[in-house]
Amino acid sequence: MPVKDEIEAALRTAFTVERLEVEDVSEAHRGHAGHREGGETHFDVAITAPEFAGLSRVAKHRAVHSALGAGLIGRIHALSLDIAP
């Protein structure tokens, strides 16, 4: 399964997702640290879910990282997050 699909599945399982956009932006980072042929290293994620209401920015990021799990996070070089309640 592509990493993009793994990210989407994990976030939909962990949160009551109202909006979710996951974009593989790896090609834009060709030649930079962490880039691998075939992509799947750099992702932009925009998510809206009520579980984020009242959380600090750091707490939101921790919640997403926890939902993705260490195994998946370990395979991603860069993850840009736009999180809203």
PDB file of N, CA and C in Angstrom:
ATOM      1  N   MET A   1       0.850  -1.178   0.000  1.00  0.00           N
ATOM      2  CA  MET A   1       0.000   0.000   0.000  1.00  0.00           C
ATOM      3  C   MET A   1       0.894   1.239   0.000  1.00  0.00           C
ATOM      4  N   PRO A   2       0.571   2.207  -0.830  1.00  0.00           N
ATOM      5  CA  PRO A   2       1.355   3.447  -0.837  1.00  0.00           C
ATOM      6  C   PRO A   2       1.305   4.143   0.527  1.00  0.00           C
ATOM      7  N   VAL A   3       2.396   4.812   0.863  1.00  0.00           N
ATOM      8  CA  VAL A   3       2.483   5.519   2.149  1.00  0.00           C
ATOM      9  C   VAL A   3       1.349   6.528   2.285  1.00  0.00           C
ATOM     10  N   LYS A   4       1.014   7.215   1.209  1.00  0.00           N
ATOM     11  CA  LYS A   4      -0.093   8.188   1.236  1.00  0.00           C
ATOM     12  C   LYS A   4      -1.367   7.510   1.731  1.00  0.00           C
ATOM     13  N   ASP A   5      -1.662   6.330   1.221  1.00  0.00           N
ATOM     14  CA  ASP A   5      -2.861   5.598   1.631  1.00  0.00           C
ATOM     15  C   ASP A   5      -2.769   5.144   3.089  1.00  0.00           C
ATOM     16  N   GLU A   6      -1.579   4.762   3.526  1.00  0.00           N
ATOM     17  CA  GLU A   6      -1.376   4.375   4.924  1.00  0.00           C
ATOM     18  C   GLU A   6      -1.646   5.555   5.857  1.00  0.00           C
ATOM     19  N   ILE A   7      -1.161   6.736   5.466  1.00  0.00           N
ATOM     20  CA  ILE A   7      -1.383   7.943   6.271  1.00  0.00           C
ATOM     21  C   ILE A   7      -2.875   8.224   6.365  1.00  0.00           C
ATOM     22  N   GLU A   8      -3.553   8.211   5.221  1.00  0.00           N
ATOM     23  CA  GLU A   8      -4.992   8.483   5.207  1.00  0.00           C
ATOM     24  C   GLU A   8      -5.755   7.489   6.071  1.00  0.00           C
ATOM     25  N   ALA A   9      -5.454   6.207   5.933  1.00  0.00           N
ATOM     26  CA  ALA A   9      -6.157   5.170   6.696  1.00  0.00           C
ATOM     27  C   ALA A   9      -5.935   5.340   8.195  1.00  0.00           C
ATOM     28  N   ALA A  10      -4.703   5.601   8.595  1.00  0.00           N
ATOM     29  CA  ALA A  10      -4.391   5.756  10.017  1.00  0.00           C
ATOM     30  C   ALA A  10      -5.117   6.953  10.622  1.00  0.00           C
ATOM     31  N   LEU A  11      -5.148   8.056   9.891  1.00  0.00           N
ATOM     32  CA  LEU A  11      -5.795   9.264  10.408  1.00  0.00           C
ATOM     33  C   LEU A  11      -7.316   9.112  10.444  1.00  0.00           C
ATOM     34  N   ARG A  12      -7.880   8.455   9.452  1.00  0.00           N
ATOM     35  CA  ARG A  12      -9.334   8.228   9.446  1.00  0.00           C
ATOM     36  C   ARG A  12      -9.747   7.267  10.565  1.00  0.00           C
ATOM     37  N   THR A  13      -8.864   6.350  10.922  1.00  0.00           N
ATOM     38  CA  THR A  13      -9.146   5.419  12.017  1.00  0.00           C
ATOM     39  C   THR A  13      -9.070   6.125  13.363  1.00  0.00           C
ATOM     40  N   ALA A  14      -8.112   7.028  13.522  1.00  0.00           N
ATOM     41  CA  ALA A  14      -7.859   7.664  14.813  1.00  0.00           C
ATOM     42  C   ALA A  14      -8.770   8.855  15.112  1.00  0.00           C
ATOM     43  N   PHE A  15      -9.245   9.535  14.077  1.00  0.00           N
ATOM     44  CA  PHE A  15      -9.990  10.780  14.269  1.00  0.00           C
ATOM     45  C   PHE A  15     -11.309  10.765  13.514  1.00  0.00           C
ATOM     46  N   THR A  16     -12.217  11.635  13.932  1.00  0.00           N
ATOM     47  CA  THR A  16     -13.481  11.847  13.226  1.00  0.00           C
ATOM     48  C   THR A  16     -13.196  12.909  12.162  1.00  0.00           C
ATOM     49  N   VAL A  17     -12.700  12.474  11.042  1.00  0.00           N
ATOM     50  CA  VAL A  17     -12.180  13.382  10.013  1.00  0.00           C
ATOM     51  C   VAL A  17     -13.312  14.099   9.284  1.00  0.00           C
ATOM     52  N   GLU A  18     -13.208  15.418   9.267  1.00  0.00           N
ATOM     53  CA  GLU A  18     -14.136  16.244   8.498  1.00  0.00           C
ATOM     54  C   GLU A  18     -13.510  16.657   7.172  1.00  0.00           C
ATOM     55  N   ARG A  19     -12.202  16.816   7.178  1.00  0.00           N
ATOM     56  CA  ARG A  19     -11.455  17.156   5.961  1.00  0.00           C
ATOM     57  C   ARG A  19     -10.087  16.511   6.079  1.00  0.00           C
ATOM     58  N   LEU A  20      -9.644  15.872   4.997  1.00  0.00           N
ATOM     59  CA  LEU A  20      -8.319  15.267   4.991  1.00  0.00           C
ATOM     60  C   LEU A  20      -7.734  15.342   3.591  1.00  0.00           C
ATOM     61  N   GLU A  21      -6.573  15.953   3.497  1.00  0.00           N
ATOM     62  CA  GLU A  21      -5.836  16.026   2.241  1.00  0.00           C
ATOM     63  C   GLU A  21      -4.407  15.579   2.524  1.00  0.00           C
ATOM     64  N   VAL A  22      -3.964  14.574   1.814  1.00  0.00           N
ATOM     65  CA  VAL A  22      -2.594  14.076   1.959  1.00  0.00           C
ATOM     66  C   VAL A  22      -1.949  14.154   0.585  1.00  0.00           C
ATOM     67  N   GLU A  23      -0.855  14.892   0.501  1.00  0.00           N
ATOM     68  CA  GLU A  23      -0.177  15.072  -0.778  1.00  0.00           C
ATOM     69  C   GLU A  23       1.287  14.649  -0.653  1.00  0.00           C
ATOM     70  N   ASP A  24       1.711  13.787  -1.565  1.00  0.00           N
ATOM     71  CA  ASP A  24       3.112  13.378  -1.639  1.00  0.00           C
ATOM     72  C   ASP A  24       3.851  14.459  -2.415  1.00  0.00           C
ATOM     73  N   VAL A  25       4.685  15.220  -1.716  1.00  0.00           N
ATOM     74  CA  VAL A  25       5.428  16.324  -2.338  1.00  0.00           C
ATOM     75  C   VAL A  25       6.911  15.977  -2.469  1.00  0.00           C
ATOM     76  N   SER A  26       7.206  14.696  -2.482  1.00  0.00           N
ATOM     77  CA  SER A  26       8.593  14.231  -2.509  1.00  0.00           C
ATOM     78  C   SER A  26       9.370  14.746  -3.713  1.00  0.00           C
ATOM     79  N   GLU A  27       8.737  14.786  -4.867  1.00  0.00           N
ATOM     80  CA  GLU A  27       9.444  15.196  -6.084  1.00  0.00           C
ATOM     81  C   GLU A  27       9.968  16.623  -5.968  1.00  0.00           C
ATOM     82  N   ALA A  28       9.286  17.461  -5.230  1.00  0.00           N
ATOM     83  CA  ALA A  28       9.729  18.846  -5.039  1.00  0.00           C
ATOM     84  C   ALA A  28      10.998  18.912  -4.203  1.00  0.00           C
ATOM     85  N   HIS A  29      11.368  17.811  -3.578  1.00  0.00           N
ATOM     86  CA  HIS A  29      12.540  17.776  -2.712  1.00  0.00           C
ATOM     87  C   HIS A  29      13.678  16.956  -3.304  1.00  0.00           C
ATOM     88  N   ARG A  30      13.593  16.668  -4.588  1.00  0.00           N
ATOM     89  CA  ARG A  30      14.661  15.928  -5.277  1.00  0.00           C
ATOM     90  C   ARG A  30      15.986  16.638  -5.044  1.00  0.00           C
ATOM     91  N   GLY A  31      16.981  15.881  -4.651  1.00  0.00           N
ATOM     92  CA  GLY A  31      18.302  16.434  -4.388  1.00  0.00           C
ATOM     93  C   GLY A  31      18.497  16.906  -2.958  1.00  0.00           C
ATOM     94  N   HIS A  32      17.429  16.942  -2.177  1.00  0.00           N
ATOM     95  CA  HIS A  32      17.521  17.357  -0.779  1.00  0.00           C
ATOM     96  C   HIS A  32      17.657  16.132   0.120  1.00  0.00           C
ATOM     97  N   ALA A  33      17.983  16.381   1.355  1.00  0.00           N
ATOM     98  CA  ALA A  33      18.135  15.302   2.329  1.00  0.00           C
ATOM     99  C   ALA A  33      16.848  14.491   2.426  1.00  0.00           C
ATOM    100  N   GLY A  34      17.004  13.197   2.501  1.00  0.00           N
ATOM    101  CA  GLY A  34      15.876  12.310   2.719  1.00  0.00           C
ATOM    102  C   GLY A  34      15.134  11.892   1.473  1.00  0.00           C
ATOM    103  N   HIS A  35      15.419  12.499   0.328  1.00  0.00           N
ATOM    104  CA  HIS A  35      14.716  12.123  -0.902  1.00  0.00           C
ATOM    105  C   HIS A  35      15.189  10.747  -1.362  1.00  0.00           C
ATOM    106  N   ARG A  36      14.223   9.923  -1.766  1.00  0.00           N
ATOM    107  CA  ARG A  36      14.529   8.612  -2.345  1.00  0.00           C
ATOM    108  C   ARG A  36      13.834   8.517  -3.694  1.00  0.00           C
ATOM    109  N   GLU A  37      14.428   7.802  -4.613  1.00  0.00           N
ATOM    110  CA  GLU A  37      13.768   7.546  -5.889  1.00  0.00           C
ATOM    111  C   GLU A  37      12.443   6.850  -5.616  1.00  0.00           C
ATOM    112  N   GLY A  38      11.425   7.240  -6.321  1.00  0.00           N
ATOM    113  CA  GLY A  38      10.109   6.660  -6.111  1.00  0.00           C
ATOM    114  C   GLY A  38       9.251   7.476  -5.169  1.00  0.00           C
ATOM    115  N   GLY A  39       9.832   8.471  -4.518  1.00  0.00           N
ATOM    116  CA  GLY A  39       9.064   9.354  -3.642  1.00  0.00           C
ATOM    117  C   GLY A  39       8.703   8.720  -2.320  1.00  0.00           C
ATOM    118  N   GLU A  40       7.546   9.117  -1.815  1.00  0.00           N
ATOM    119  CA  GLU A  40       7.025   8.640  -0.542  1.00  0.00           C
ATOM    120  C   GLU A  40       7.928   8.982   0.643  1.00  0.00           C
ATOM    121  N   THR A  41       8.534  10.180   0.591  1.00  0.00           N
ATOM    122  CA  THR A  41       9.404  10.624   1.680  1.00  0.00           C
ATOM    123  C   THR A  41       8.950  11.939   2.311  1.00  0.00           C
ATOM    124  N   HIS A  42       8.273  12.770   1.550  1.00  0.00           N
ATOM    125  CA  HIS A  42       7.855  14.099   1.995  1.00  0.00           C
ATOM    126  C   HIS A  42       6.347  14.252   1.752  1.00  0.00           C
ATOM    127  N   PHE A  43       5.610  14.613   2.815  1.00  0.00           N
ATOM    128  CA  PHE A  43       4.154  14.715   2.701  1.00  0.00           C
ATOM    129  C   PHE A  43       3.638  15.990   3.332  1.00  0.00           C
ATOM    130  N   ASP A  44       2.615  16.554   2.698  1.00  0.00           N
ATOM    131  CA  ASP A  44       1.834  17.652   3.265  1.00  0.00           C
ATOM    132  C   ASP A  44       0.487  17.065   3.662  1.00  0.00           C
ATOM    133  N   VAL A  45       0.084  17.297   4.909  1.00  0.00           N
ATOM    134  CA  VAL A  45      -1.190  16.781   5.403  1.00  0.00           C
ATOM    135  C   VAL A  45      -2.009  17.943   5.963  1.00  0.00           C
ATOM    136  N   ALA A  46      -3.260  18.041   5.512  1.00  0.00           N
ATOM    137  CA  ALA A  46      -4.221  18.994   6.069  1.00  0.00           C
ATOM    138  C   ALA A  46      -5.364  18.163   6.629  1.00  0.00           C
ATOM    139  N   ILE A  47      -5.666  18.352   7.903  1.00  0.00           N
ATOM    140  CA  ILE A  47      -6.714  17.580   8.545  1.00  0.00           C
ATOM    141  C   ILE A  47      -7.554  18.472   9.451  1.00  0.00           C
ATOM    142  N   THR A  48      -8.854  18.233   9.414  1.00  0.00           N
ATOM    143  CA  THR A  48      -9.788  18.894  10.318  1.00  0.00           C
ATOM    144  C   THR A  48     -10.574  17.800  11.024  1.00  0.00           C
ATOM    145  N   ALA A  49     -10.582  17.861  12.354  1.00  0.00           N
ATOM    146  CA  ALA A  49     -11.319  16.884  13.152  1.00  0.00           C
ATOM    147  C   ALA A  49     -11.637  17.513  14.505  1.00  0.00           C
ATOM    148  N   PRO A  50     -12.793  17.216  15.059  1.00  0.00           N
ATOM    149  CA  PRO A  50     -13.176  17.823  16.329  1.00  0.00           C
ATOM    150  C   PRO A  50     -12.262  17.445  17.497  1.00  0.00           C
ATOM    151  N   GLU A  51     -11.561  16.343  17.400  1.00  0.00           N
ATOM    152  CA  GLU A  51     -10.661  15.924  18.483  1.00  0.00           C
ATOM    153  C   GLU A  51      -9.536  16.924  18.739  1.00  0.00           C
ATOM    154  N   PHE A  52      -9.281  17.808  17.779  1.00  0.00           N
ATOM    155  CA  PHE A  52      -8.197  18.776  17.928  1.00  0.00           C
ATOM    156  C   PHE A  52      -8.627  20.051  18.649  1.00  0.00           C
ATOM    157  N   ALA A  53      -9.923  20.214  18.889  1.00  0.00           N
ATOM    158  CA  ALA A  53     -10.431  21.420  19.549  1.00  0.00           C
ATOM    159  C   ALA A  53      -9.804  21.570  20.932  1.00  0.00           C
ATOM    160  N   GLY A  54      -9.301  22.744  21.206  1.00  0.00           N
ATOM    161  CA  GLY A  54      -8.739  23.047  22.513  1.00  0.00           C
ATOM    162  C   GLY A  54      -7.312  22.577  22.736  1.00  0.00           C
ATOM    163  N   LEU A  55      -6.750  21.864  21.776  1.00  0.00           N
ATOM    164  CA  LEU A  55      -5.367  21.380  21.924  1.00  0.00           C
ATOM    165  C   LEU A  55      -4.375  22.439  21.442  1.00  0.00           C
ATOM    166  N   SER A  56      -3.220  22.464  22.064  1.00  0.00           N
ATOM    167  CA  SER A  56      -2.146  23.342  21.599  1.00  0.00           C
ATOM    168  C   SER A  56      -1.604  22.791  20.276  1.00  0.00           C
ATOM    169  N   ARG A  57      -0.855  23.614  19.588  1.00  0.00           N
ATOM    170  CA  ARG A  57      -0.237  23.184  18.327  1.00  0.00           C
ATOM    171  C   ARG A  57       0.613  21.937  18.543  1.00  0.00           C
ATOM    172  N   VAL A  58       1.394  21.931  19.600  1.00  0.00           N
ATOM    173  CA  VAL A  58       2.265  20.784  19.893  1.00  0.00           C
ATOM    174  C   VAL A  58       1.436  19.538  20.187  1.00  0.00           C
ATOM    175  N   ALA A  59       0.367  19.688  20.951  1.00  0.00           N
ATOM    176  CA  ALA A  59      -0.492  18.547  21.276  1.00  0.00           C
ATOM    177  C   ALA A  59      -1.156  17.980  20.019  1.00  0.00           C
ATOM    178  N   LYS A  60      -1.545  18.844  19.096  1.00  0.00           N
ATOM    179  CA  LYS A  60      -2.138  18.393  17.833  1.00  0.00           C
ATOM    180  C   LYS A  60      -1.127  17.566  17.043  1.00  0.00           C
ATOM    181  N   HIS A  61       0.085  18.071  16.948  1.00  0.00           N
ATOM    182  CA  HIS A  61       1.127  17.357  16.208  1.00  0.00           C
ATOM    183  C   HIS A  61       1.434  16.015  16.870  1.00  0.00           C
ATOM    184  N   ARG A  62       1.500  16.007  18.181  1.00  0.00           N
ATOM    185  CA  ARG A  62       1.742  14.746  18.896  1.00  0.00           C
ATOM    186  C   ARG A  62       0.626  13.744  18.645  1.00  0.00           C
ATOM    187  N   ALA A  63      -0.609  14.215  18.613  1.00  0.00           N
ATOM    188  CA  ALA A  63      -1.748  13.325  18.361  1.00  0.00           C
ATOM    189  C   ALA A  63      -1.653  12.695  16.972  1.00  0.00           C
ATOM    190  N   VAL A  64      -1.288  13.497  15.976  1.00  0.00           N
ATOM    191  CA  VAL A  64      -1.154  12.963  14.616  1.00  0.00           C
ATOM    192  C   VAL A  64       0.000  11.962  14.558  1.00  0.00           C
ATOM    193  N   HIS A  65       1.131  12.316  15.139  1.00  0.00           N
ATOM    194  CA  HIS A  65       2.280  11.399  15.136  1.00  0.00           C
ATOM    195  C   HIS A  65       1.932  10.096  15.837  1.00  0.00           C
ATOM    196  N   SER A  66       1.214  10.182  16.933  1.00  0.00           N
ATOM    197  CA  SER A  66       0.798   8.986  17.661  1.00  0.00           C
ATOM    198  C   SER A  66      -0.127   8.128  16.798  1.00  0.00           C
ATOM    199  N   ALA A  67      -1.057   8.763  16.111  1.00  0.00           N
ATOM    200  CA  ALA A  67      -1.985   8.033  15.244  1.00  0.00           C
ATOM    201  C   ALA A  67      -1.257   7.323  14.103  1.00  0.00           C
ATOM    202  N   LEU A  68      -0.224   7.956  13.578  1.00  0.00           N
ATOM    203  CA  LEU A  68       0.527   7.350  12.477  1.00  0.00           C
ATOM    204  C   LEU A  68       1.419   6.215  12.971  1.00  0.00           C
ATOM    205  N   GLY A  69       1.916   6.325  14.188  1.00  0.00           N
ATOM    206  CA  GLY A  69       2.746   5.280  14.761  1.00  0.00           C
ATOM    207  C   GLY A  69       4.208   5.398  14.365  1.00  0.00           C
ATOM    208  N   ALA A  70       5.064   4.866  15.200  1.00  0.00           N
ATOM    209  CA  ALA A  70       6.510   4.975  15.001  1.00  0.00           C
ATOM    210  C   ALA A  70       6.977   4.327  13.704  1.00  0.00           C
ATOM    211  N   GLY A  71       6.368   3.214  13.334  1.00  0.00           N
ATOM    212  CA  GLY A  71       6.784   2.518  12.114  1.00  0.00           C
ATOM    213  C   GLY A  71       6.578   3.350  10.869  1.00  0.00           C
ATOM    214  N   LEU A  72       5.424   3.969  10.754  1.00  0.00           N
ATOM    215  CA  LEU A  72       5.129   4.804   9.590  1.00  0.00           C
ATOM    216  C   LEU A  72       5.914   6.109   9.646  1.00  0.00           C
ATOM    217  N   ILE A  73       5.961   6.741  10.794  1.00  0.00           N
ATOM    218  CA  ILE A  73       6.734   7.978  10.942  1.00  0.00           C
ATOM    219  C   ILE A  73       8.199   7.745  10.586  1.00  0.00           C
ATOM    220  N   GLY A  74       8.731   6.591  10.949  1.00  0.00           N
ATOM    221  CA  GLY A  74      10.124   6.271  10.661  1.00  0.00           C
ATOM    222  C   GLY A  74      10.432   6.149   9.176  1.00  0.00           C
ATOM    223  N   ARG A  75       9.406   5.952   8.361  1.00  0.00           N
ATOM    224  CA  ARG A  75       9.613   5.814   6.908  1.00  0.00           C
ATOM    225  C   ARG A  75       9.423   7.133   6.169  1.00  0.00           C
ATOM    226  N   ILE A  76       8.985   8.166   6.890  1.00  0.00           N
ATOM    227  CA  ILE A  76       8.743   9.479   6.293  1.00  0.00           C
ATOM    228  C   ILE A  76       9.877  10.416   6.699  1.00  0.00           C
ATOM    229  N   HIS A  77      10.439  11.120   5.732  1.00  0.00           N
ATOM    230  CA  HIS A  77      11.518  12.062   6.058  1.00  0.00           C
ATOM    231  C   HIS A  77      10.951  13.397   6.555  1.00  0.00           C
ATOM    232  N   ALA A  78       9.879  13.879   5.916  1.00  0.00           N
ATOM    233  CA  ALA A  78       9.319  15.177   6.285  1.00  0.00           C
ATOM    234  C   ALA A  78       7.801  15.125   6.219  1.00  0.00           C
ATOM    235  N   LEU A  79       7.173  15.691   7.242  1.00  0.00           N
ATOM    236  CA  LEU A  79       5.723  15.701   7.327  1.00  0.00           C
ATOM    237  C   LEU A  79       5.275  17.095   7.730  1.00  0.00           C
ATOM    238  N   SER A  80       4.623  17.785   6.801  1.00  0.00           N
ATOM    239  CA  SER A  80       4.095  19.124   7.061  1.00  0.00           C
ATOM    240  C   SER A  80       2.632  18.967   7.456  1.00  0.00           C
ATOM    241  N   LEU A  81       2.249  19.559   8.600  1.00  0.00           N
ATOM    242  CA  LEU A  81       0.900  19.383   9.119  1.00  0.00           C
ATOM    243  C   LEU A  81       0.150  20.711   9.219  1.00  0.00           C
ATOM    244  N   ASP A  82      -1.069  20.714   8.708  1.00  0.00           N
ATOM    245  CA  ASP A  82      -2.008  21.809   8.860  1.00  0.00           C
ATOM    246  C   ASP A  82      -3.210  21.203   9.560  1.00  0.00           C
ATOM    247  N   ILE A  83      -3.372  21.492  10.859  1.00  0.00           N
ATOM    248  CA  ILE A  83      -4.365  20.809  11.696  1.00  0.00           C
ATOM    249  C   ILE A  83      -5.364  21.836  12.231  1.00  0.00           C
ATOM    250  N   ALA A  84      -6.656  21.502  12.057  1.00  0.00           N
ATOM    251  CA  ALA A  84      -7.713  22.394  12.548  1.00  0.00           C
ATOM    252  C   ALA A  84      -8.787  21.589  13.264  1.00  0.00           C
ATOM    253  N   PRO A  85      -9.423  22.196  14.261  1.00  0.00           N
ATOM    254  CA  PRO A  85     -10.535  21.509  14.945  1.00  0.00           C
ATOM    255  C   PRO A  85     -11.800  21.537  14.097  1.00  0.00           C
TER     256      PRO A  85
END
